[in-house]
Each structure stands twice: as C-alpha cells, then as structure tokens.
Amino acid sequence: MTRLGSIAVVCLLAAIGQVAGGFPAVAQASGPSDAPTGGQAPGAVLEGLTLDDLAATRERPLFTPARHPPLPPPPPPPPPPPTLVERPERQPPAARKPPQLRLVGVIITDDRMVAIMMGQKRQVHRLAVGDEVDGWKVVAVEPNSVKMQFRKESRVYRMFRSRVRIQEVRPSSAQAGVN
C-alpha cells in the first residue's frame, strides 16, 4: 500500500471513529484542532451529509478485495522510424585567404617567442607556435618573422621589408669645396 493510501485509511478510520463515538483515545489525544470547524463539535464534520452524498463511497468501498488502482496511462507511441537523409558529397573547402596581419614585434623569453601582430582594425594578436587566426596556424616564430600555414599553403610575415632602399648621399656643392 502506498504512503498516500495509508494516510487516507488512517484519516477515514479517525473520521468514522468520531462519528460512531469510538476511539475515544484518538479524540482525546488529538486535543483542540487548529482547523476551523465553524464552531461545530468534533465529529460534526460529516454532519449534514446524506447517504446520497456518500454514494461514491458506498459504490466503491475502500476495503474490498475487488478494488483495484486506476489503470496506468497507455505507453507513449513509438518514435517514427528514422528517415534516410542523403548527405551531399563533401567538397574540399576553398582555400582561405591569409589573415590580413602585420608583424609589429616579437617578444623573446627564455622558453618561447611570442609574435605581436596587428590586424586591419588595429586589433592586437599575441601569437605563439600552435595558435590559430582564421584557420591559419602559427608554425614558426623567428626574431623578425612569423610563418603561418593553412593545409598546404603557407605565408611568411616579416617585420621589416626585404627591399631596403639605399639612398646615395651626394655631398652638396657647399660641402664639396670645404676640405
């Protein structure tokens, strides 16, 4: 019997005992009730009820062997069978453009090198070997260059341009005459 059923049985027995005048120990032990009874005497809870009001109790008594709990709800319907979805053929993704970065510095410590790179919107990226930007992975950091790779493509970012402009300094005419 469930806990709720046990509580219902105890309450029903107490109510029947009070109406019939039995169980005086229960009535005395309970003492004054905090529940409002409308100024009625104990046991007057069922007073005013007719047998017609208790028809359900008479038709389905609690303590008969033929009484059964309500039927459980029907099981949920089985899930629909899985549908086969054809996947489109996987095409290799198009090559990504290298990130638009500019190498502005390299921090060299005892155990690693960190490249300081600036993006187009002036956002700063601190990158070490293994870091990624837009799918491009940093594979090497040197004192003045960074190599990034995306699949088989690679790109080298250099801090200084390799084309060095050499300006020829010609002495001015005023300096030429002064020796």
N, C-alpha and C. Protein backbone atom coordinates (compact mmCIF):
# COMPACT_ATOMS: atom_id res chain seq x y z
N MET A 1 0.86 -1.16 0.00
CA MET A 1 0.00 0.00 0.00
C MET A 1 0.90 1.22 0.00
N THR A 2 0.51 2.22 -0.72
CA THR A 2 1.34 3.41 -0.81
C THR A 2 1.18 4.27 0.43
N ARG A 3 2.06 5.19 0.57
CA ARG A 3 2.04 6.06 1.73
C ARG A 3 0.76 6.91 1.74
N LEU A 4 0.38 7.39 0.57
CA LEU A 4 -0.84 8.20 0.46
C LEU A 4 -2.05 7.37 0.83
N GLY A 5 -2.08 6.12 0.41
CA GLY A 5 -3.19 5.22 0.76
C GLY A 5 -3.25 4.99 2.26
N SER A 6 -2.09 4.83 2.89
CA SER A 6 -2.05 4.61 4.34
C SER A 6 -2.58 5.82 5.08
N ILE A 7 -2.22 7.00 4.63
CA ILE A 7 -2.70 8.22 5.27
C ILE A 7 -4.20 8.34 5.11
N ALA A 8 -4.70 8.01 3.93
CA ALA A 8 -6.15 8.10 3.68
C ALA A 8 -6.90 7.13 4.59
N VAL A 9 -6.37 5.93 4.78
CA VAL A 9 -7.02 4.94 5.64
C VAL A 9 -7.07 5.43 7.08
N VAL A 10 -5.98 5.98 7.57
CA VAL A 10 -5.93 6.47 8.95
C VAL A 10 -6.94 7.61 9.14
N CYS A 11 -6.99 8.52 8.19
CA CYS A 11 -7.93 9.64 8.29
C CYS A 11 -9.37 9.15 8.26
N LEU A 12 -9.65 8.21 7.37
CA LEU A 12 -11.02 7.68 7.27
C LEU A 12 -11.42 6.96 8.55
N LEU A 13 -10.50 6.17 9.12
CA LEU A 13 -10.80 5.46 10.37
C LEU A 13 -11.05 6.46 11.50
N ALA A 14 -10.27 7.52 11.54
CA ALA A 14 -10.46 8.51 12.59
C ALA A 14 -11.81 9.20 12.44
N ALA A 15 -12.19 9.51 11.21
CA ALA A 15 -13.47 10.17 10.98
C ALA A 15 -14.62 9.25 11.34
N ILE A 16 -14.54 7.99 10.94
CA ILE A 16 -15.61 7.02 11.25
C ILE A 16 -15.67 6.80 12.75
N GLY A 17 -14.53 6.73 13.39
CA GLY A 17 -14.49 6.52 14.85
C GLY A 17 -15.13 7.67 15.59
N GLN A 18 -14.93 8.88 15.13
CA GLN A 18 -15.53 10.03 15.81
C GLN A 18 -17.03 10.06 15.59
N VAL A 19 -17.48 9.70 14.40
CA VAL A 19 -18.93 9.70 14.13
C VAL A 19 -19.60 8.62 14.96
N ALA A 20 -18.98 7.45 15.04
CA ALA A 20 -19.59 6.33 15.77
C ALA A 20 -19.38 6.46 17.27
N GLY A 21 -18.57 7.40 17.69
CA GLY A 21 -18.34 7.58 19.11
C GLY A 21 -17.23 6.68 19.63
N GLY A 22 -16.56 5.95 18.76
CA GLY A 22 -15.48 5.06 19.17
C GLY A 22 -14.16 5.80 19.16
N PHE A 23 -13.11 5.11 19.46
CA PHE A 23 -11.75 5.64 19.52
C PHE A 23 -11.67 6.88 20.40
N PRO A 24 -12.09 6.80 21.64
CA PRO A 24 -12.02 7.99 22.48
C PRO A 24 -10.58 8.44 22.72
N ALA A 25 -9.63 7.49 22.71
CA ALA A 25 -8.24 7.86 22.96
C ALA A 25 -7.72 8.75 21.83
N VAL A 26 -8.14 8.45 20.62
CA VAL A 26 -7.69 9.25 19.49
C VAL A 26 -8.27 10.64 19.59
N ALA A 27 -9.54 10.72 19.93
CA ALA A 27 -10.19 12.03 20.02
C ALA A 27 -9.58 12.84 21.15
N GLN A 28 -9.22 12.18 22.27
CA GLN A 28 -8.65 12.93 23.38
C GLN A 28 -7.20 13.31 23.10
N ALA A 29 -6.48 12.42 22.41
CA ALA A 29 -5.07 12.68 22.16
C ALA A 29 -4.89 13.81 21.16
N SER A 30 -5.85 13.96 20.29
CA SER A 30 -5.67 14.99 19.27
C SER A 30 -5.81 16.37 19.85
N GLY A 31 -6.60 16.53 20.90
CA GLY A 31 -6.75 17.82 21.54
C GLY A 31 -7.50 18.79 20.65
N PRO A 32 -7.46 20.04 21.00
CA PRO A 32 -8.18 21.01 20.20
C PRO A 32 -7.52 21.15 18.83
N SER A 33 -8.32 21.24 17.83
CA SER A 33 -7.83 21.30 16.47
C SER A 33 -7.61 22.75 16.07
N ASP A 34 -6.56 22.97 15.28
CA ASP A 34 -6.32 24.31 14.76
C ASP A 34 -7.16 24.58 13.52
N ALA A 35 -7.71 23.50 12.93
CA ALA A 35 -8.52 23.67 11.72
C ALA A 35 -9.85 24.28 12.10
N PRO A 36 -10.32 25.23 11.30
CA PRO A 36 -11.61 25.84 11.62
C PRO A 36 -12.74 24.84 11.38
N THR A 37 -13.60 24.69 12.36
CA THR A 37 -14.74 23.78 12.22
C THR A 37 -16.04 24.54 12.19
N GLY A 38 -15.95 25.84 12.15
CA GLY A 38 -17.17 26.63 12.10
C GLY A 38 -17.94 26.59 13.41
N GLY A 39 -17.26 26.36 14.52
CA GLY A 39 -17.92 26.32 15.81
C GLY A 39 -18.64 25.02 16.06
N GLN A 40 -18.39 24.00 15.22
CA GLN A 40 -19.06 22.72 15.39
C GLN A 40 -18.24 21.85 16.33
N ALA A 41 -18.93 20.91 16.92
CA ALA A 41 -18.27 19.97 17.83
C ALA A 41 -17.44 19.00 17.01
N PRO A 42 -16.37 18.40 17.63
CA PRO A 42 -15.60 17.38 16.92
C PRO A 42 -16.51 16.25 16.48
N GLY A 43 -16.28 15.75 15.30
CA GLY A 43 -17.11 14.68 14.77
C GLY A 43 -18.27 15.22 13.97
N ALA A 44 -18.46 16.52 13.99
CA ALA A 44 -19.57 17.10 13.24
C ALA A 44 -19.17 17.40 11.81
N VAL A 45 -17.98 16.96 11.40
CA VAL A 45 -17.52 17.20 10.03
C VAL A 45 -18.44 16.51 9.04
N LEU A 46 -18.86 15.30 9.36
CA LEU A 46 -19.73 14.55 8.46
C LEU A 46 -21.20 14.86 8.69
N GLU A 47 -21.47 15.68 9.68
CA GLU A 47 -22.86 16.02 9.98
C GLU A 47 -23.42 16.83 8.82
N GLY A 48 -24.59 16.56 8.44
CA GLY A 48 -25.22 17.27 7.34
C GLY A 48 -25.06 16.55 6.02
N LEU A 49 -24.22 15.52 5.97
CA LEU A 49 -24.08 14.75 4.74
C LEU A 49 -25.13 13.65 4.73
N THR A 50 -25.72 13.45 3.57
CA THR A 50 -26.71 12.37 3.43
C THR A 50 -26.03 11.17 2.81
N LEU A 51 -26.75 10.06 2.78
CA LEU A 51 -26.19 8.86 2.15
C LEU A 51 -26.02 9.07 0.65
N ASP A 52 -26.85 9.91 0.07
CA ASP A 52 -26.69 10.20 -1.35
C ASP A 52 -25.37 10.93 -1.62
N ASP A 53 -24.94 11.76 -0.65
CA ASP A 53 -23.67 12.46 -0.80
C ASP A 53 -22.49 11.49 -0.74
N LEU A 54 -22.68 10.37 -0.10
CA LEU A 54 -21.61 9.38 0.04
C LEU A 54 -21.80 8.20 -0.90
N ALA A 55 -22.46 8.41 -2.02
CA ALA A 55 -22.76 7.33 -2.97
C ALA A 55 -21.47 6.72 -3.52
N ALA A 56 -20.49 7.54 -3.81
CA ALA A 56 -19.24 7.01 -4.36
C ALA A 56 -18.55 6.12 -3.36
N THR A 57 -18.66 6.46 -2.08
CA THR A 57 -18.03 5.64 -1.04
C THR A 57 -18.74 4.30 -0.92
N ARG A 58 -20.07 4.32 -1.08
CA ARG A 58 -20.82 3.06 -0.99
C ARG A 58 -20.57 2.19 -2.22
N GLU A 59 -20.50 2.79 -3.39
CA GLU A 59 -20.33 2.01 -4.62
C GLU A 59 -18.91 1.46 -4.76
N ARG A 60 -17.95 2.18 -4.26
CA ARG A 60 -16.56 1.72 -4.37
C ARG A 60 -15.92 1.79 -3.00
N PRO A 61 -16.23 0.89 -2.11
CA PRO A 61 -15.65 0.93 -0.77
C PRO A 61 -14.13 0.76 -0.84
N LEU A 62 -13.48 1.37 0.12
CA LEU A 62 -12.02 1.33 0.14
C LEU A 62 -11.46 -0.05 0.46
N PHE A 63 -12.13 -0.80 1.29
CA PHE A 63 -11.54 -2.02 1.83
C PHE A 63 -12.13 -3.29 1.24
N THR A 64 -12.32 -3.35 -0.05
CA THR A 64 -12.80 -4.59 -0.68
C THR A 64 -11.68 -5.15 -1.53
N PRO A 65 -11.58 -6.47 -1.59
CA PRO A 65 -10.51 -7.08 -2.39
C PRO A 65 -10.67 -6.80 -3.88
N ALA A 66 -11.89 -6.52 -4.33
CA ALA A 66 -12.11 -6.31 -5.76
C ALA A 66 -11.66 -4.91 -6.21
N ARG A 67 -11.38 -4.04 -5.28
CA ARG A 67 -11.00 -2.68 -5.65
C ARG A 67 -9.55 -2.69 -6.15
N HIS A 68 -9.33 -2.06 -7.28
CA HIS A 68 -8.01 -2.00 -7.90
C HIS A 68 -7.63 -0.55 -8.15
N PRO A 69 -6.36 -0.29 -8.19
CA PRO A 69 -5.95 1.08 -8.52
C PRO A 69 -6.32 1.40 -9.97
N PRO A 70 -6.38 2.66 -10.30
CA PRO A 70 -6.71 3.01 -11.69
C PRO A 70 -5.65 2.46 -12.63
N LEU A 71 -6.06 2.23 -13.85
CA LEU A 71 -5.14 1.68 -14.85
C LEU A 71 -4.05 2.71 -15.17
N PRO A 72 -2.85 2.23 -15.41
CA PRO A 72 -1.78 3.17 -15.76
C PRO A 72 -2.07 3.78 -17.14
N PRO A 73 -1.51 4.94 -17.39
CA PRO A 73 -1.74 5.55 -18.70
C PRO A 73 -1.13 4.69 -19.80
N PRO A 74 -1.68 4.77 -20.99
CA PRO A 74 -1.13 3.95 -22.07
C PRO A 74 0.30 4.39 -22.39
N PRO A 75 1.12 3.47 -22.87
CA PRO A 75 2.51 3.85 -23.19
C PRO A 75 2.53 4.85 -24.35
N PRO A 76 3.56 5.66 -24.40
CA PRO A 76 3.63 6.63 -25.49
C PRO A 76 3.81 5.90 -26.82
N PRO A 77 3.36 6.52 -27.89
CA PRO A 77 3.51 5.86 -29.19
C PRO A 77 4.99 5.72 -29.53
N PRO A 78 5.33 4.69 -30.27
CA PRO A 78 6.75 4.50 -30.63
C PRO A 78 7.22 5.65 -31.52
N PRO A 79 8.49 5.97 -31.43
CA PRO A 79 9.00 7.06 -32.27
C PRO A 79 8.94 6.66 -33.74
N PRO A 80 8.80 7.64 -34.61
CA PRO A 80 8.75 7.30 -36.03
C PRO A 80 10.08 6.72 -36.48
N PRO A 81 10.05 5.87 -37.47
CA PRO A 81 11.31 5.27 -37.94
C PRO A 81 12.20 6.37 -38.51
N PRO A 82 13.50 6.19 -38.35
CA PRO A 82 14.42 7.22 -38.86
C PRO A 82 14.34 7.29 -40.38
N THR A 83 14.40 8.50 -40.87
CA THR A 83 14.38 8.68 -42.32
C THR A 83 15.81 8.82 -42.81
N LEU A 84 16.05 8.30 -43.95
CA LEU A 84 17.38 8.37 -44.54
C LEU A 84 17.54 9.71 -45.23
N VAL A 85 18.55 10.42 -44.83
CA VAL A 85 18.83 11.71 -45.43
C VAL A 85 20.11 11.57 -46.23
N GLU A 86 20.01 11.91 -47.48
CA GLU A 86 21.21 11.82 -48.31
C GLU A 86 22.08 13.04 -48.05
N ARG A 87 23.29 12.77 -47.71
CA ARG A 87 24.23 13.86 -47.48
C ARG A 87 24.87 14.26 -48.81
N PRO A 88 24.98 15.53 -49.02
CA PRO A 88 25.67 15.95 -50.25
C PRO A 88 27.14 15.55 -50.18
N GLU A 89 27.69 15.34 -51.34
CA GLU A 89 29.11 14.96 -51.36
C GLU A 89 29.93 16.08 -50.75
N ARG A 90 30.85 15.67 -49.95
CA ARG A 90 31.68 16.65 -49.26
C ARG A 90 32.74 17.17 -50.22
N GLN A 91 32.70 18.47 -50.41
CA GLN A 91 33.68 19.08 -51.29
C GLN A 91 34.76 19.72 -50.44
N PRO A 92 35.97 19.68 -50.91
CA PRO A 92 37.02 20.32 -50.12
C PRO A 92 36.75 21.82 -50.04
N PRO A 93 36.93 22.38 -48.86
CA PRO A 93 36.67 23.81 -48.73
C PRO A 93 37.65 24.63 -49.56
N ALA A 94 37.17 25.75 -50.00
CA ALA A 94 38.02 26.63 -50.80
C ALA A 94 39.18 27.13 -49.94
N ALA A 95 40.25 27.43 -50.61
CA ALA A 95 41.43 27.93 -49.89
C ALA A 95 41.07 29.25 -49.21
N ARG A 96 41.50 29.38 -48.00
CA ARG A 96 41.24 30.62 -47.26
C ARG A 96 42.34 31.62 -47.55
N LYS A 97 41.92 32.85 -47.59
CA LYS A 97 42.91 33.90 -47.75
C LYS A 97 43.68 34.04 -46.44
N PRO A 98 44.95 34.34 -46.54
CA PRO A 98 45.72 34.53 -45.30
C PRO A 98 45.17 35.72 -44.53
N PRO A 99 45.25 35.69 -43.23
CA PRO A 99 44.76 36.82 -42.45
C PRO A 99 45.55 38.09 -42.78
N GLN A 100 44.85 39.20 -42.78
CA GLN A 100 45.48 40.49 -43.06
C GLN A 100 46.13 41.00 -41.77
N LEU A 101 47.35 40.56 -41.55
CA LEU A 101 48.07 40.92 -40.33
C LEU A 101 49.40 41.57 -40.70
N ARG A 102 49.93 42.31 -39.74
CA ARG A 102 51.24 42.93 -39.91
C ARG A 102 52.04 42.62 -38.65
N LEU A 103 53.24 42.09 -38.83
CA LEU A 103 54.12 41.78 -37.70
C LEU A 103 54.73 43.08 -37.18
N VAL A 104 54.45 43.39 -35.92
CA VAL A 104 54.98 44.63 -35.35
C VAL A 104 56.03 44.39 -34.28
N GLY A 105 56.17 43.14 -33.83
CA GLY A 105 57.19 42.86 -32.84
C GLY A 105 57.20 41.40 -32.44
N VAL A 106 58.30 40.99 -31.82
CA VAL A 106 58.44 39.62 -31.31
C VAL A 106 59.01 39.72 -29.90
N ILE A 107 58.34 39.09 -28.96
CA ILE A 107 58.82 39.05 -27.59
C ILE A 107 59.57 37.73 -27.41
N ILE A 108 60.82 37.83 -27.01
CA ILE A 108 61.65 36.64 -26.85
C ILE A 108 61.91 36.44 -25.36
N THR A 109 61.52 35.27 -24.84
CA THR A 109 61.80 34.92 -23.45
C THR A 109 62.70 33.70 -23.44
N ASP A 110 63.04 33.22 -22.25
CA ASP A 110 63.92 32.06 -22.15
C ASP A 110 63.32 30.81 -22.78
N ASP A 111 61.99 30.66 -22.67
CA ASP A 111 61.39 29.40 -23.13
C ASP A 111 60.51 29.52 -24.37
N ARG A 112 60.20 30.74 -24.84
CA ARG A 112 59.37 30.83 -26.04
C ARG A 112 59.46 32.21 -26.67
N MET A 113 58.89 32.28 -27.89
CA MET A 113 58.81 33.54 -28.62
C MET A 113 57.33 33.82 -28.91
N VAL A 114 56.93 35.07 -28.71
CA VAL A 114 55.55 35.47 -28.95
C VAL A 114 55.56 36.59 -29.97
N ALA A 115 54.80 36.39 -31.05
CA ALA A 115 54.72 37.40 -32.09
C ALA A 115 53.60 38.37 -31.77
N ILE A 116 53.85 39.65 -31.94
CA ILE A 116 52.84 40.68 -31.76
C ILE A 116 52.45 41.13 -33.17
N MET A 117 51.19 40.84 -33.53
CA MET A 117 50.72 41.16 -34.87
C MET A 117 49.49 42.05 -34.76
N MET A 118 49.34 42.94 -35.75
CA MET A 118 48.22 43.88 -35.73
C MET A 118 47.34 43.60 -36.95
N GLY A 119 46.01 43.56 -36.70
CA GLY A 119 45.05 43.33 -37.77
C GLY A 119 44.66 44.62 -38.44
N GLN A 120 43.77 44.51 -39.45
CA GLN A 120 43.35 45.69 -40.21
C GLN A 120 42.62 46.70 -39.34
N LYS A 121 41.87 46.24 -38.37
CA LYS A 121 41.11 47.14 -37.50
C LYS A 121 41.90 47.48 -36.24
N ARG A 122 43.20 47.36 -36.33
CA ARG A 122 44.15 47.70 -35.27
C ARG A 122 43.98 46.83 -34.02
N GLN A 123 43.40 45.63 -34.18
CA GLN A 123 43.35 44.72 -33.05
C GLN A 123 44.70 44.01 -32.94
N VAL A 124 45.13 43.79 -31.72
CA VAL A 124 46.44 43.21 -31.47
C VAL A 124 46.28 41.72 -31.20
N HIS A 125 47.12 40.91 -31.85
CA HIS A 125 47.13 39.46 -31.64
C HIS A 125 48.49 39.08 -31.06
N ARG A 126 48.48 38.33 -29.97
CA ARG A 126 49.71 37.80 -29.38
C ARG A 126 49.74 36.32 -29.73
N LEU A 127 50.64 35.93 -30.62
CA LEU A 127 50.63 34.58 -31.17
C LEU A 127 51.93 33.84 -30.88
N ALA A 128 51.76 32.58 -30.46
CA ALA A 128 52.91 31.69 -30.26
C ALA A 128 52.71 30.50 -31.20
N VAL A 129 53.70 29.66 -31.31
CA VAL A 129 53.61 28.48 -32.17
C VAL A 129 52.42 27.63 -31.70
N GLY A 130 51.56 27.25 -32.66
CA GLY A 130 50.38 26.44 -32.35
C GLY A 130 49.09 27.24 -32.31
N ASP A 131 49.18 28.57 -32.15
CA ASP A 131 47.97 29.41 -32.13
C ASP A 131 47.40 29.52 -33.54
N GLU A 132 46.09 29.84 -33.62
CA GLU A 132 45.43 29.96 -34.92
C GLU A 132 44.72 31.30 -35.04
N VAL A 133 44.70 31.81 -36.28
CA VAL A 133 43.94 33.00 -36.63
C VAL A 133 43.25 32.70 -37.94
N ASP A 134 41.92 32.75 -37.94
CA ASP A 134 41.11 32.47 -39.14
C ASP A 134 41.49 31.14 -39.79
N GLY A 135 41.80 30.14 -39.00
CA GLY A 135 42.13 28.82 -39.53
C GLY A 135 43.61 28.66 -39.88
N TRP A 136 44.35 29.73 -39.92
CA TRP A 136 45.79 29.68 -40.22
C TRP A 136 46.54 29.46 -38.92
N LYS A 137 47.42 28.48 -38.93
CA LYS A 137 48.14 28.08 -37.72
C LYS A 137 49.57 28.63 -37.76
N VAL A 138 50.01 29.14 -36.61
CA VAL A 138 51.38 29.64 -36.50
C VAL A 138 52.30 28.43 -36.37
N VAL A 139 53.22 28.27 -37.33
CA VAL A 139 54.12 27.12 -37.30
C VAL A 139 55.55 27.50 -36.91
N ALA A 140 55.89 28.77 -37.03
CA ALA A 140 57.25 29.19 -36.64
C ALA A 140 57.24 30.67 -36.28
N VAL A 141 57.97 30.99 -35.23
CA VAL A 141 58.17 32.39 -34.83
C VAL A 141 59.68 32.60 -34.74
N GLU A 142 60.16 33.54 -35.53
CA GLU A 142 61.59 33.89 -35.54
C GLU A 142 61.73 35.32 -35.02
N PRO A 143 62.95 35.77 -34.74
CA PRO A 143 63.11 37.12 -34.20
C PRO A 143 62.52 38.24 -35.07
N ASN A 144 62.45 38.04 -36.40
CA ASN A 144 61.87 39.09 -37.23
C ASN A 144 60.88 38.56 -38.28
N SER A 145 60.35 37.34 -38.06
CA SER A 145 59.35 36.81 -38.99
C SER A 145 58.46 35.77 -38.31
N VAL A 146 57.29 35.56 -38.92
CA VAL A 146 56.33 34.57 -38.44
C VAL A 146 55.84 33.79 -39.65
N LYS A 147 55.81 32.47 -39.54
CA LYS A 147 55.30 31.64 -40.63
C LYS A 147 53.98 31.03 -40.18
N MET A 148 52.94 31.22 -41.03
CA MET A 148 51.62 30.66 -40.75
C MET A 148 51.26 29.71 -41.88
N GLN A 149 50.48 28.67 -41.54
CA GLN A 149 50.15 27.65 -42.52
C GLN A 149 48.68 27.28 -42.43
N PHE A 150 48.06 27.06 -43.63
CA PHE A 150 46.69 26.56 -43.73
C PHE A 150 46.75 25.43 -44.73
N ARG A 151 46.59 24.21 -44.25
CA ARG A 151 46.76 23.00 -45.04
C ARG A 151 48.13 23.02 -45.71
N LYS A 152 48.19 23.08 -47.05
CA LYS A 152 49.49 23.04 -47.72
C LYS A 152 50.00 24.44 -48.07
N GLU A 153 49.19 25.44 -47.83
CA GLU A 153 49.62 26.81 -48.11
C GLU A 153 50.34 27.38 -46.90
N SER A 154 51.29 28.25 -47.17
CA SER A 154 51.97 28.92 -46.06
C SER A 154 52.22 30.37 -46.43
N ARG A 155 52.39 31.17 -45.41
CA ARG A 155 52.63 32.60 -45.61
C ARG A 155 53.62 33.04 -44.54
N VAL A 156 54.58 33.85 -44.96
CA VAL A 156 55.59 34.37 -44.03
C VAL A 156 55.35 35.87 -43.87
N TYR A 157 55.23 36.28 -42.63
CA TYR A 157 55.08 37.70 -42.30
C TYR A 157 56.43 38.17 -41.77
N ARG A 158 56.92 39.26 -42.31
CA ARG A 158 58.22 39.80 -41.89
C ARG A 158 58.02 41.15 -41.22
N MET A 159 58.88 41.41 -40.24
CA MET A 159 58.77 42.67 -39.52
C MET A 159 59.24 43.83 -40.39
N PHE A 160 60.29 43.61 -41.14
CA PHE A 160 60.83 44.66 -41.99
C PHE A 160 60.79 44.17 -43.42
N ARG A 161 60.57 45.08 -44.33
CA ARG A 161 60.55 44.69 -45.74
C ARG A 161 61.95 44.26 -46.17
N SER A 162 61.99 43.30 -47.08
CA SER A 162 63.29 42.81 -47.53
C SER A 162 63.94 43.78 -48.51
N ARG A 163 63.12 44.61 -49.16
CA ARG A 163 63.69 45.60 -50.09
C ARG A 163 64.16 46.81 -49.29
N VAL A 164 65.43 46.97 -49.20
CA VAL A 164 65.99 48.10 -48.46
C VAL A 164 66.37 49.16 -49.47
N ARG A 165 65.85 50.32 -49.26
CA ARG A 165 66.19 51.42 -50.17
C ARG A 165 67.53 52.02 -49.74
N ILE A 166 68.41 52.04 -50.67
CA ILE A 166 69.72 52.64 -50.40
C ILE A 166 69.73 54.01 -51.05
N GLN A 167 69.88 54.99 -50.25
CA GLN A 167 69.94 56.35 -50.78
C GLN A 167 71.40 56.76 -50.85
N GLU A 168 71.71 57.25 -51.98
CA GLU A 168 73.07 57.70 -52.18
C GLU A 168 73.16 59.12 -51.65
N VAL A 169 74.10 59.36 -50.82
CA VAL A 169 74.28 60.70 -50.27
C VAL A 169 75.37 61.38 -51.08
N ARG A 170 74.99 62.42 -51.76
CA ARG A 170 75.97 63.18 -52.53
C ARG A 170 76.29 64.45 -51.76
N PRO A 171 77.50 64.71 -51.70
CA PRO A 171 77.85 65.94 -50.99
C PRO A 171 77.33 67.16 -51.76
N SER A 172 76.85 68.09 -51.00
CA SER A 172 76.36 69.32 -51.65
C SER A 172 77.54 70.14 -52.13
N SER A 173 77.27 71.08 -52.95
CA SER A 173 78.36 71.88 -53.52
C SER A 173 79.07 72.68 -52.44
N ALA A 174 78.36 73.06 -51.43
CA ALA A 174 79.00 73.82 -50.35
C ALA A 174 79.95 72.92 -49.58
N GLN A 175 79.56 71.66 -49.40
CA GLN A 175 80.40 70.74 -48.65
C GLN A 175 81.56 70.26 -49.50
N ALA A 176 81.38 70.21 -50.82
CA ALA A 176 82.42 69.71 -51.70
C ALA A 176 83.64 70.64 -51.70
N GLY A 177 83.39 71.90 -51.60
CA GLY A 177 84.50 72.83 -51.64
C GLY A 177 85.23 72.94 -50.32
N VAL A 178 84.65 72.44 -49.28
CA VAL A 178 85.26 72.56 -47.97
C VAL A 178 86.00 71.28 -47.68
N ASN A 179 87.24 71.21 -47.79
CA ASN A 179 88.04 70.05 -47.45
C ASN A 179 89.23 70.45 -46.67
